[in-house]
Amino acid sequence: MLKRILIANRGEIALRVLRACRELEIETVSVYTRGDQEALHTMMADRAVCIGEDAPSCGYLDMDNIIEAAKLTGCDAVHPGFGFLSENAEFAEKCSENGLTFIGPSAEVIAKLGNKAEARKIAKAAGASIVPGSDGPVRDAEEAARCAEEIGWPVLIKASAGGGGRGMRVARGAEDLKTAFAEAREEAEKCFADGTLYIEKLIENPRHIEIQILADRQGNVIHLGERNCSIQRRNQKMLEEAPDWTLTEKMRRAMGDDAVSIAKAAGYENAGTIEFIVSGRDYYFIEMNTRLQVEHPVTEMVTGIDIVKEQIRIASGLALTKKQSDITTKGHAIECRICAEDVFRDYAPDAGDIDFLHLPSGFGVRVESALYSGCRVSPFYDSMICKIIAYGDTRLEAIRRMRRALGETIIRGRKTTMPVQHLILYNREFLRGNYDTGFMEKYGAGFLELYEAAGGKE
């Protein structure tokens, strides 16, 4: 088993990894920027090392400083969490070159699957259904237009190195493709330093379903069932649940089998997620995330499996503790991603101090957060500040428990997305499970009107 792990991240995910290490009696080292000197992940680790200033080009993205910190403190592994360097093949390779175990797949596999166009080829070779699109990257808007004419409008322009909805634009006809292509390329270059794009047929308002997989070095691959991540705003997830009760057992088995086949075809190791879109009774592979997902807790709640501990065990060279036949799901779990955003200013980030904090608790409620009263929400990083997870024996019980948990939560000093998420939990279509990725476009404005009518706008 690994002895000392450097956690190359911040916030709630750094704490999540730190806690798993503590339970496995593994020493931890946190890295922090000057602005995070009083952050919980800095204070709770066995050791902490400053790696620079808060700025887009340094700090938690500074590979050399992070690796030097790991070597200086005698670490034998690095856990990247999610975001930042978690899907960076160069970082994984540098860890390996410096004798550090990267807790994730190999650099080669990250590079292969991180390129969405290449991942489509792997999925197709594994026998999975893929969305019609370009065979590989498209060079320019003219080639993109030719491809769109072949597969039919509308189309989705996507960054090959993308993720999290970045570098993605919709073109509904030739007249707006050139602008959409240029915008997608500019964003892709800015976010991923890679402007390579490919084209997919746009499946209008599908359900977004993803399958969690685990794979060890011995060649064993299993899946832990599905999550429904369809409630999104601008391709950013707001609420996730597991399992997805709209799937038939036949579809559930088929999607799980395809996920395992794709992972095996890619030579995958560690935890990962295979993402699908579902339209009616048809489903299509869209991409694979080669890291721990933000929404992993809902899968943990219904399977009883600690995914972070499994990551560490796999990275230590140990075999999976479970076979596919051992995996069962029980009950239902829902997660709300709480972001420090002003919903009345087009969800603009709202950085600053937390004046007072009270987080929910009680039976079936789990909170993942690095907040405390008096802490500061940084303007330099993602606006997600807290995840609240509710578990119930039934979906309705999980919904009611989440309503109660959100009602107990007080985050004074910052505006958050909680009021909108609370209203989602009362929406008739959500209660019926009859929703897709067009949900927020359809109901989002109405939620703001309800909130304002109730006196919510300051």
Protein backbone atom coordinates (compact mmCIF):
# COMPACT_ATOMS: atom_id res chain seq x y z
CA MET A 1 0.00 0.00 0.00
CA LEU A 2 1.13 3.55 -0.71
CA LYS A 3 2.62 5.33 2.32
CA ARG A 4 2.39 9.07 1.60
CA ILE A 5 0.23 10.86 -1.00
CA LEU A 6 0.44 14.41 -2.23
CA ILE A 7 -3.00 15.82 -3.05
CA ALA A 8 -2.62 18.08 -6.09
CA ASN A 9 -5.88 19.96 -5.61
CA ARG A 10 -7.83 22.21 -3.29
CA GLY A 11 -11.28 22.63 -1.74
CA GLU A 12 -13.75 19.85 -1.08
CA ILE A 13 -12.12 17.26 -3.32
CA ALA A 14 -8.77 17.70 -1.55
CA LEU A 15 -10.55 17.04 1.75
CA ARG A 16 -12.38 14.05 0.25
CA VAL A 17 -9.08 12.43 -0.74
CA LEU A 18 -7.45 13.41 2.54
CA ARG A 19 -10.16 11.67 4.56
CA ALA A 20 -9.86 8.47 2.52
CA CYS A 21 -6.10 8.50 3.12
CA ARG A 22 -6.59 8.97 6.86
CA GLU A 23 -8.88 5.93 7.01
CA LEU A 24 -6.27 3.90 5.12
CA GLU A 25 -3.55 5.22 7.49
CA ILE A 26 -1.73 6.90 4.62
CA GLU A 27 0.11 10.17 5.31
CA THR A 28 -0.99 13.24 3.34
CA VAL A 29 0.69 16.30 1.91
CA SER A 30 -1.36 19.24 0.67
CA VAL A 31 -0.21 21.91 -1.73
CA TYR A 32 -1.60 25.40 -1.48
CA THR A 33 -1.33 28.85 -3.00
CA ARG A 34 -0.80 31.96 -0.91
CA GLY A 35 -4.49 32.75 -1.07
CA ASP A 36 -5.29 29.28 0.31
CA GLN A 37 -2.98 29.52 3.30
CA GLU A 38 -5.96 29.30 5.67
CA ALA A 39 -7.95 26.81 3.61
CA LEU A 40 -9.11 23.61 5.31
CA HIS A 41 -7.12 21.33 3.02
CA THR A 42 -4.00 23.27 3.98
CA MET A 43 -4.67 23.00 7.71
CA MET A 44 -5.88 19.38 7.85
CA ALA A 45 -3.09 17.59 5.96
CA ASP A 46 -0.11 16.09 7.77
CA ARG A 47 2.10 18.52 5.86
CA ALA A 48 1.44 21.42 3.50
CA VAL A 49 3.66 23.08 0.91
CA CYS A 50 3.13 26.46 -0.72
CA ILE A 51 3.41 26.27 -4.50
CA GLY A 52 2.98 29.90 -5.53
CA GLU A 53 0.43 32.61 -6.19
CA ASP A 54 -3.23 32.40 -7.19
CA ALA A 55 -3.16 32.83 -10.96
CA PRO A 56 -4.38 30.83 -13.96
CA SER A 57 -0.90 29.89 -15.15
CA CYS A 58 0.65 28.82 -11.86
CA GLY A 59 -0.36 27.44 -8.47
CA TYR A 60 -2.39 24.25 -8.88
CA LEU A 61 -1.41 24.05 -12.56
CA ASP A 62 2.33 24.33 -11.91
CA MET A 63 3.48 20.77 -12.64
CA ASP A 64 7.12 21.33 -11.72
CA ASN A 65 6.37 22.93 -8.36
CA ILE A 66 3.87 20.20 -7.46
CA ILE A 67 6.28 17.40 -8.35
CA GLU A 68 9.10 19.14 -6.48
CA ALA A 69 6.81 19.41 -3.43
CA ALA A 70 6.04 15.68 -3.65
CA LYS A 71 9.74 14.77 -3.87
CA LEU A 72 10.72 17.20 -1.11
CA THR A 73 8.20 15.65 1.29
CA GLY A 74 9.00 12.03 0.43
CA CYS A 75 5.68 11.19 -1.24
CA ASP A 76 5.35 8.04 -3.30
CA ALA A 77 2.15 9.06 -5.12
CA VAL A 78 0.08 12.01 -6.33
CA HIS A 79 -3.73 12.17 -6.35
CA PRO A 80 -4.94 14.84 -8.80
CA GLY A 81 -8.61 14.95 -7.71
CA PHE A 82 -10.73 16.44 -10.50
CA GLY A 83 -10.13 19.53 -12.61
CA PHE A 84 -6.71 21.19 -12.75
CA LEU A 85 -4.15 18.53 -13.81
CA SER A 86 -6.36 15.45 -13.34
CA GLU A 87 -6.64 14.71 -17.07
CA ASN A 88 -3.27 16.10 -18.11
CA ALA A 89 -1.17 13.40 -19.79
CA GLU A 90 2.01 15.46 -19.50
CA PHE A 91 1.58 15.70 -15.72
CA ALA A 92 0.94 11.97 -15.40
CA GLU A 93 4.09 11.30 -17.44
CA LYS A 94 6.16 13.72 -15.33
CA CYS A 95 5.00 11.97 -12.17
CA SER A 96 6.14 8.64 -13.58
CA GLU A 97 9.50 10.05 -14.69
CA ASN A 98 10.09 11.30 -11.15
CA GLY A 99 9.27 7.99 -9.48
CA LEU A 100 5.80 9.06 -8.34
CA THR A 101 2.67 6.96 -8.80
CA PHE A 102 -0.04 8.98 -10.55
CA ILE A 103 -3.37 7.89 -9.07
CA GLY A 104 -5.24 7.51 -12.33
CA PRO A 105 -4.70 5.93 -15.74
CA SER A 106 -1.38 6.04 -17.59
CA ALA A 107 -0.30 9.11 -19.52
CA GLU A 108 -0.76 7.18 -22.76
CA VAL A 109 -4.36 6.28 -21.94
CA ILE A 110 -5.17 9.83 -20.76
CA ALA A 111 -3.85 11.23 -24.03
CA LYS A 112 -5.74 8.65 -26.07
CA LEU A 113 -9.10 9.06 -24.31
CA GLY A 114 -8.64 12.76 -23.60
CA ASN A 115 -8.83 13.31 -27.32
CA LYS A 116 -12.59 12.99 -27.80
CA ALA A 117 -12.26 12.17 -31.48
CA GLU A 118 -9.86 9.31 -30.67
CA ALA A 119 -12.16 8.11 -27.88
CA ARG A 120 -14.99 7.82 -30.41
CA LYS A 121 -12.85 5.48 -32.50
CA ILE A 122 -12.07 3.29 -29.49
CA ALA A 123 -15.74 3.11 -28.51
CA LYS A 124 -16.74 2.22 -32.05
CA ALA A 125 -14.11 -0.51 -32.21
CA ALA A 126 -15.42 -1.87 -28.89
CA GLY A 127 -18.87 -2.25 -30.45
CA ALA A 128 -20.56 0.70 -28.75
CA SER A 129 -22.98 2.93 -30.59
CA ILE A 130 -21.61 6.43 -31.19
CA VAL A 131 -23.27 9.66 -32.26
CA PRO A 132 -22.89 10.26 -36.03
CA GLY A 133 -20.05 12.69 -36.66
CA SER A 134 -16.66 13.33 -38.19
CA ASP A 135 -14.22 10.43 -38.36
CA GLY A 136 -11.63 12.59 -36.64
CA PRO A 137 -10.70 16.25 -36.15
CA VAL A 138 -11.88 18.80 -38.72
CA ARG A 139 -9.31 21.33 -39.98
CA ASP A 140 -11.51 24.36 -40.54
CA ALA A 141 -15.08 25.67 -40.81
CA GLU A 142 -15.32 24.62 -44.46
CA GLU A 143 -14.55 20.98 -43.65
CA ALA A 144 -16.93 21.18 -40.69
CA ALA A 145 -19.69 22.43 -43.01
CA ARG A 146 -19.16 19.54 -45.42
CA CYS A 147 -19.38 17.07 -42.54
CA ALA A 148 -22.53 18.75 -41.21
CA GLU A 149 -24.20 18.46 -44.60
CA GLU A 150 -23.46 14.73 -44.61
CA ILE A 151 -24.75 13.92 -41.11
CA GLY A 152 -27.52 16.54 -41.08
CA TRP A 153 -28.16 19.73 -39.14
CA PRO A 154 -28.02 20.76 -36.34
CA VAL A 155 -24.50 19.80 -35.26
CA LEU A 156 -22.39 20.10 -32.16
CA ILE A 157 -18.85 21.47 -32.51
CA LYS A 158 -16.69 20.00 -29.75
CA ALA A 159 -13.13 20.42 -28.52
CA SER A 160 -11.16 17.18 -28.87
CA ALA A 161 -9.32 17.98 -25.64
CA GLY A 162 -12.45 19.35 -23.99
CA GLY A 163 -14.55 18.63 -20.97
CA GLY A 164 -17.02 20.33 -18.64
CA GLY A 165 -18.90 21.87 -21.54
CA ARG A 166 -15.93 24.05 -22.59
CA GLY A 167 -15.06 24.44 -26.26
CA MET A 168 -18.53 23.39 -27.35
CA ARG A 169 -20.96 25.22 -29.65
CA VAL A 170 -24.15 24.40 -31.53
CA ALA A 171 -24.59 25.23 -35.23
CA ARG A 172 -28.12 24.90 -36.60
CA GLY A 173 -27.25 25.78 -40.17
CA ALA A 174 -24.47 26.86 -42.52
CA GLU A 175 -25.13 30.51 -41.73
CA ASP A 176 -23.99 30.24 -38.09
CA LEU A 177 -21.39 27.47 -38.36
CA LYS A 178 -18.45 29.76 -39.11
CA THR A 179 -19.03 31.88 -36.02
CA ALA A 180 -19.72 28.86 -33.82
CA PHE A 181 -16.58 27.12 -35.08
CA ALA A 182 -14.41 30.17 -34.35
CA GLU A 183 -15.88 30.58 -30.85
CA ALA A 184 -15.39 26.89 -30.02
CA ARG A 185 -11.78 26.97 -31.22
CA GLU A 186 -10.98 30.14 -29.28
CA GLU A 187 -12.45 28.71 -26.07
CA ALA A 188 -10.71 25.36 -26.58
CA GLU A 189 -7.34 27.05 -27.05
CA LYS A 190 -7.91 29.19 -23.98
CA CYS A 191 -9.09 26.36 -21.70
CA PHE A 192 -7.04 23.41 -22.96
CA ALA A 193 -4.22 24.96 -25.04
CA ASP A 194 -5.54 22.81 -27.88
CA GLY A 195 -7.90 24.16 -30.54
CA THR A 196 -8.57 20.80 -32.23
CA LEU A 197 -12.29 20.35 -32.95
CA TYR A 198 -14.57 17.61 -34.23
CA ILE A 199 -18.24 17.46 -35.24
CA GLU A 200 -21.17 15.44 -33.91
CA LYS A 201 -24.82 15.32 -34.87
CA LEU A 202 -26.75 17.23 -32.20
CA ILE A 203 -29.21 14.94 -30.44
CA GLU A 204 -31.78 17.45 -29.18
CA ASN A 205 -32.42 17.37 -25.43
CA PRO A 206 -31.28 13.83 -24.63
CA ARG A 207 -30.80 12.42 -21.15
CA HIS A 208 -27.19 12.50 -19.98
CA ILE A 209 -26.34 9.15 -18.38
CA GLU A 210 -22.90 8.10 -17.22
CA ILE A 211 -21.49 4.78 -16.03
CA GLN A 212 -18.86 4.61 -13.29
CA ILE A 213 -16.13 2.05 -13.90
CA LEU A 214 -13.21 0.67 -11.88
CA ALA A 215 -10.26 -1.15 -13.47
CA ASP A 216 -7.20 -2.68 -11.81
CA ARG A 217 -3.74 -3.57 -13.11
CA GLN A 218 -4.68 -7.25 -13.27
CA GLY A 219 -7.12 -6.60 -16.12
CA ASN A 220 -10.30 -6.71 -14.04
CA VAL A 221 -12.91 -4.11 -15.03
CA ILE A 222 -16.31 -3.59 -13.40
CA HIS A 223 -18.99 -0.93 -13.50
CA LEU A 224 -20.91 0.53 -10.57
CA GLY A 225 -24.12 1.41 -12.36
CA GLU A 226 -25.36 4.68 -13.76
CA ARG A 227 -25.97 8.29 -12.80
CA ASN A 228 -28.43 10.69 -14.40
CA CYS A 229 -26.70 14.06 -14.88
CA SER A 230 -29.24 15.68 -17.21
CA ILE A 231 -30.07 18.79 -15.19
CA GLN A 232 -27.49 21.17 -16.61
CA ARG A 233 -27.16 24.83 -17.34
CA ARG A 234 -24.83 25.69 -20.24
CA ASN A 235 -23.49 22.13 -20.09
CA GLN A 236 -22.62 22.56 -16.38
CA LYS A 237 -24.31 20.00 -14.12
CA MET A 238 -26.47 21.27 -11.26
CA LEU A 239 -28.04 18.12 -9.83
CA GLU A 240 -27.29 14.43 -10.27
CA GLU A 241 -28.99 11.24 -9.11
CA ALA A 242 -28.38 7.51 -9.02
CA PRO A 243 -29.76 5.26 -10.25
CA ASP A 244 -31.68 6.56 -13.27
CA TRP A 245 -35.13 5.12 -12.81
CA THR A 246 -36.17 5.73 -16.45
CA LEU A 247 -33.79 3.05 -17.76
CA THR A 248 -35.12 -0.42 -18.49
CA GLU A 249 -33.11 -3.30 -17.06
CA LYS A 250 -32.19 -4.29 -20.61
CA MET A 251 -30.74 -0.82 -21.33
CA ARG A 252 -28.98 -0.71 -17.97
CA ARG A 253 -27.22 -4.02 -18.63
CA ALA A 254 -26.33 -3.06 -22.20
CA MET A 255 -24.87 0.31 -21.20
CA GLY A 256 -22.89 -1.24 -18.37
CA ASP A 257 -21.52 -3.93 -20.69
CA ASP A 258 -20.55 -1.29 -23.27
CA ALA A 259 -18.80 0.79 -20.61
CA VAL A 260 -16.70 -2.18 -19.51
CA SER A 261 -15.90 -3.08 -23.13
CA ILE A 262 -14.73 0.46 -23.89
CA ALA A 263 -12.52 0.56 -20.79
CA LYS A 264 -10.97 -2.80 -21.69
CA ALA A 265 -10.40 -1.73 -25.29
CA ALA A 266 -8.57 1.37 -24.07
CA GLY A 267 -6.41 -0.57 -21.61
CA TYR A 268 -7.87 1.52 -18.81
CA GLU A 269 -6.72 1.49 -15.18
CA ASN A 270 -8.21 3.15 -12.08
CA ALA A 271 -11.56 4.97 -11.77
CA GLY A 272 -13.23 6.50 -14.80
CA THR A 273 -16.58 7.42 -16.27
CA ILE A 274 -18.14 6.49 -19.59
CA GLU A 275 -20.67 9.11 -20.70
CA PHE A 276 -23.69 8.38 -22.87
CA ILE A 277 -26.64 10.33 -24.17
CA VAL A 278 -30.02 8.62 -24.28
CA SER A 279 -32.86 9.45 -26.65
CA GLY A 280 -35.92 7.28 -26.22
CA ARG A 281 -34.63 3.70 -26.15
CA ASP A 282 -31.45 4.54 -28.08
CA TYR A 283 -28.18 5.45 -26.44
CA TYR A 284 -24.85 6.69 -27.77
CA PHE A 285 -21.33 6.94 -26.37
CA ILE A 286 -20.06 10.53 -26.24
CA GLU A 287 -16.84 10.54 -24.20
CA MET A 288 -14.84 9.11 -21.32
CA ASN A 289 -13.62 11.08 -18.32
CA THR A 290 -10.28 9.71 -17.15
CA ARG A 291 -10.59 10.88 -13.56
CA LEU A 292 -12.77 10.98 -10.47
CA GLN A 293 -16.05 12.77 -11.17
CA VAL A 294 -17.57 15.55 -9.07
CA GLU A 295 -20.76 13.48 -8.72
CA HIS A 296 -19.10 10.25 -7.57
CA PRO A 297 -20.78 10.40 -4.11
CA VAL A 298 -24.22 9.41 -5.47
CA THR A 299 -22.72 6.18 -6.80
CA GLU A 300 -20.96 5.57 -3.50
CA MET A 301 -24.21 6.05 -1.59
CA VAL A 302 -26.18 3.46 -3.57
CA THR A 303 -23.38 0.88 -3.92
CA GLY A 304 -21.59 1.27 -0.59
CA ILE A 305 -18.23 1.40 -2.38
CA ASP A 306 -15.67 4.09 -1.50
CA ILE A 307 -14.40 5.01 -4.97
CA VAL A 308 -11.45 7.07 -3.70
CA LYS A 309 -10.20 4.21 -1.55
CA GLU A 310 -10.53 1.91 -4.55
CA GLN A 311 -8.44 4.38 -6.59
CA ILE A 312 -5.69 4.25 -3.98
CA ARG A 313 -5.82 0.45 -3.73
CA ILE A 314 -5.57 0.11 -7.51
CA ALA A 315 -2.65 2.57 -7.65
CA SER A 316 -0.96 0.45 -4.96
CA GLY A 317 -1.10 -2.53 -7.31
CA LEU A 318 -3.90 -4.34 -5.49
CA ALA A 319 -6.73 -6.13 -7.26
CA LEU A 320 -10.34 -4.99 -7.10
CA THR A 321 -12.13 -6.13 -3.97
CA LYS A 322 -15.37 -6.82 -5.89
CA LYS A 323 -16.46 -8.77 -8.94
CA GLN A 324 -19.26 -7.55 -11.19
CA SER A 325 -21.62 -10.11 -9.65
CA ASP A 326 -20.97 -8.53 -6.22
CA ILE A 327 -22.19 -5.09 -7.31
CA THR A 328 -25.73 -4.21 -6.28
CA THR A 329 -27.48 -0.88 -5.87
CA LYS A 330 -29.78 -0.10 -3.00
CA GLY A 331 -32.00 2.95 -2.56
CA HIS A 332 -31.60 6.30 -4.28
CA ALA A 333 -29.18 9.23 -3.95
CA ILE A 334 -29.31 12.84 -5.15
CA GLU A 335 -26.53 15.43 -5.21
CA CYS A 336 -26.86 19.21 -5.49
CA ARG A 337 -23.78 21.15 -6.56
CA ILE A 338 -23.96 24.42 -4.63
CA CYS A 339 -22.17 27.23 -6.45
CA ALA A 340 -21.40 30.75 -5.22
CA GLU A 341 -23.27 32.45 -8.05
CA ASP A 342 -25.84 35.23 -8.36
CA VAL A 343 -28.73 33.62 -10.21
CA PHE A 344 -30.18 37.06 -11.03
CA ARG A 345 -26.97 38.18 -12.75
CA ASP A 346 -26.93 35.30 -15.21
CA TYR A 347 -25.30 33.06 -12.60
CA ALA A 348 -22.24 35.30 -12.29
CA PRO A 349 -19.67 34.03 -9.73
CA ASP A 350 -19.98 35.68 -6.32
CA ALA A 351 -16.59 35.53 -4.61
CA GLY A 352 -15.89 36.94 -1.17
CA ASP A 353 -16.18 36.13 2.52
CA ILE A 354 -18.57 33.66 4.12
CA ASP A 355 -20.00 35.56 7.11
CA PHE A 356 -21.81 32.61 8.69
CA LEU A 357 -22.17 28.96 7.76
CA HIS A 358 -24.50 26.18 8.87
CA LEU A 359 -24.40 22.92 6.96
CA PRO A 360 -27.11 20.24 7.11
CA SER A 361 -26.81 16.89 8.85
CA GLY A 362 -29.05 14.09 10.03
CA PHE A 363 -29.85 10.61 8.77
CA GLY A 364 -29.08 10.05 5.08
CA VAL A 365 -27.39 13.44 4.49
CA ARG A 366 -23.77 13.81 3.39
CA VAL A 367 -21.91 17.09 2.81
CA GLU A 368 -18.70 17.58 0.83
CA SER A 369 -17.34 21.08 1.44
CA ALA A 370 -14.27 23.04 2.48
CA LEU A 371 -16.27 26.00 3.78
CA TYR A 372 -16.23 27.41 7.31
CA SER A 373 -17.54 30.62 8.86
CA GLY A 374 -15.20 33.44 7.96
CA CYS A 375 -13.50 31.69 5.06
CA ARG A 376 -13.11 33.34 1.68
CA VAL A 377 -14.52 32.11 -1.63
CA SER A 378 -11.73 32.71 -4.12
CA PRO A 379 -12.43 34.49 -7.41
CA PHE A 380 -9.64 32.48 -9.09
CA TYR A 381 -11.28 29.04 -9.15
CA ASP A 382 -14.48 27.21 -9.96
CA SER A 383 -17.54 28.63 -8.19
CA MET A 384 -18.68 25.28 -6.73
CA ILE A 385 -18.34 25.59 -2.96
CA CYS A 386 -20.34 22.69 -1.59
CA LYS A 387 -22.00 19.40 -2.52
CA ILE A 388 -25.00 18.15 -0.58
CA ILE A 389 -25.97 14.51 -1.03
CA ALA A 390 -29.20 12.95 0.21
CA TYR A 391 -29.94 9.23 0.35
CA GLY A 392 -33.30 7.48 0.69
CA ASP A 393 -34.77 4.01 0.40
CA THR A 394 -36.84 5.40 -2.48
CA ARG A 395 -36.40 8.26 -4.93
CA LEU A 396 -39.20 10.22 -3.28
CA GLU A 397 -37.60 9.84 0.14
CA ALA A 398 -34.27 11.06 -1.27
CA ILE A 399 -36.03 14.09 -2.81
CA ARG A 400 -37.79 14.95 0.45
CA ARG A 401 -34.57 14.52 2.39
CA MET A 402 -32.73 16.83 -0.02
CA ARG A 403 -35.46 19.45 0.38
CA ARG A 404 -34.96 19.26 4.12
CA ALA A 405 -31.16 19.43 3.81
CA LEU A 406 -31.24 22.51 1.56
CA GLY A 407 -33.70 24.15 3.94
CA GLU A 408 -31.24 23.66 6.81
CA THR A 409 -28.28 25.10 4.91
CA ILE A 410 -27.24 28.69 5.67
CA ILE A 411 -24.42 30.28 3.66
CA ARG A 412 -24.57 33.92 4.69
CA GLY A 413 -22.53 36.52 2.85
CA ARG A 414 -22.58 34.95 -0.61
CA LYS A 415 -25.33 34.36 -3.13
CA THR A 416 -25.71 30.73 -4.19
CA THR A 417 -27.63 28.47 -6.57
CA MET A 418 -29.48 26.77 -3.70
CA PRO A 419 -32.84 28.52 -4.19
CA VAL A 420 -33.07 27.32 -7.80
CA GLN A 421 -32.06 23.78 -6.83
CA HIS A 422 -34.68 23.80 -4.08
CA LEU A 423 -37.36 24.74 -6.62
CA ILE A 424 -36.19 21.99 -8.99
CA LEU A 425 -37.06 19.48 -6.28
CA TYR A 426 -40.71 20.57 -6.41
CA ASN A 427 -41.01 20.65 -10.20
CA ARG A 428 -43.65 18.25 -11.49
CA GLU A 429 -41.56 16.94 -14.38
CA PHE A 430 -38.58 16.38 -12.13
CA LEU A 431 -40.74 14.49 -9.64
CA ARG A 432 -41.92 12.27 -12.46
CA GLY A 433 -38.32 11.71 -13.58
CA ASN A 434 -39.41 13.05 -16.94
CA TYR A 435 -36.55 15.44 -17.67
CA ASP A 436 -33.62 15.82 -20.06
CA THR A 437 -30.77 18.23 -20.78
CA GLY A 438 -33.30 20.84 -21.93
CA PHE A 439 -34.83 21.05 -18.44
CA MET A 440 -33.18 24.29 -17.29
CA GLU A 441 -33.73 25.98 -20.64
CA LYS A 442 -37.42 25.17 -20.29
CA TYR A 443 -37.93 25.94 -16.59
CA GLY A 444 -34.96 28.08 -15.49
CA ALA A 445 -36.58 31.48 -16.07
CA GLY A 446 -39.71 30.31 -14.25
CA PHE A 447 -37.67 29.31 -11.22
CA LEU A 448 -36.19 32.82 -11.04
CA GLU A 449 -39.67 34.36 -11.27
CA LEU A 450 -40.90 32.14 -8.44
CA TYR A 451 -37.89 32.97 -6.32
CA GLU A 452 -38.27 36.69 -6.94
CA ALA A 453 -42.00 36.56 -6.21
CA ALA A 454 -41.19 34.94 -2.86
CA GLY A 455 -38.93 37.90 -2.02
CA GLY A 456 -35.68 36.17 -2.85
CA LYS A 457 -34.06 38.94 -4.88
CA GLU A 458 -32.23 41.54 -2.87
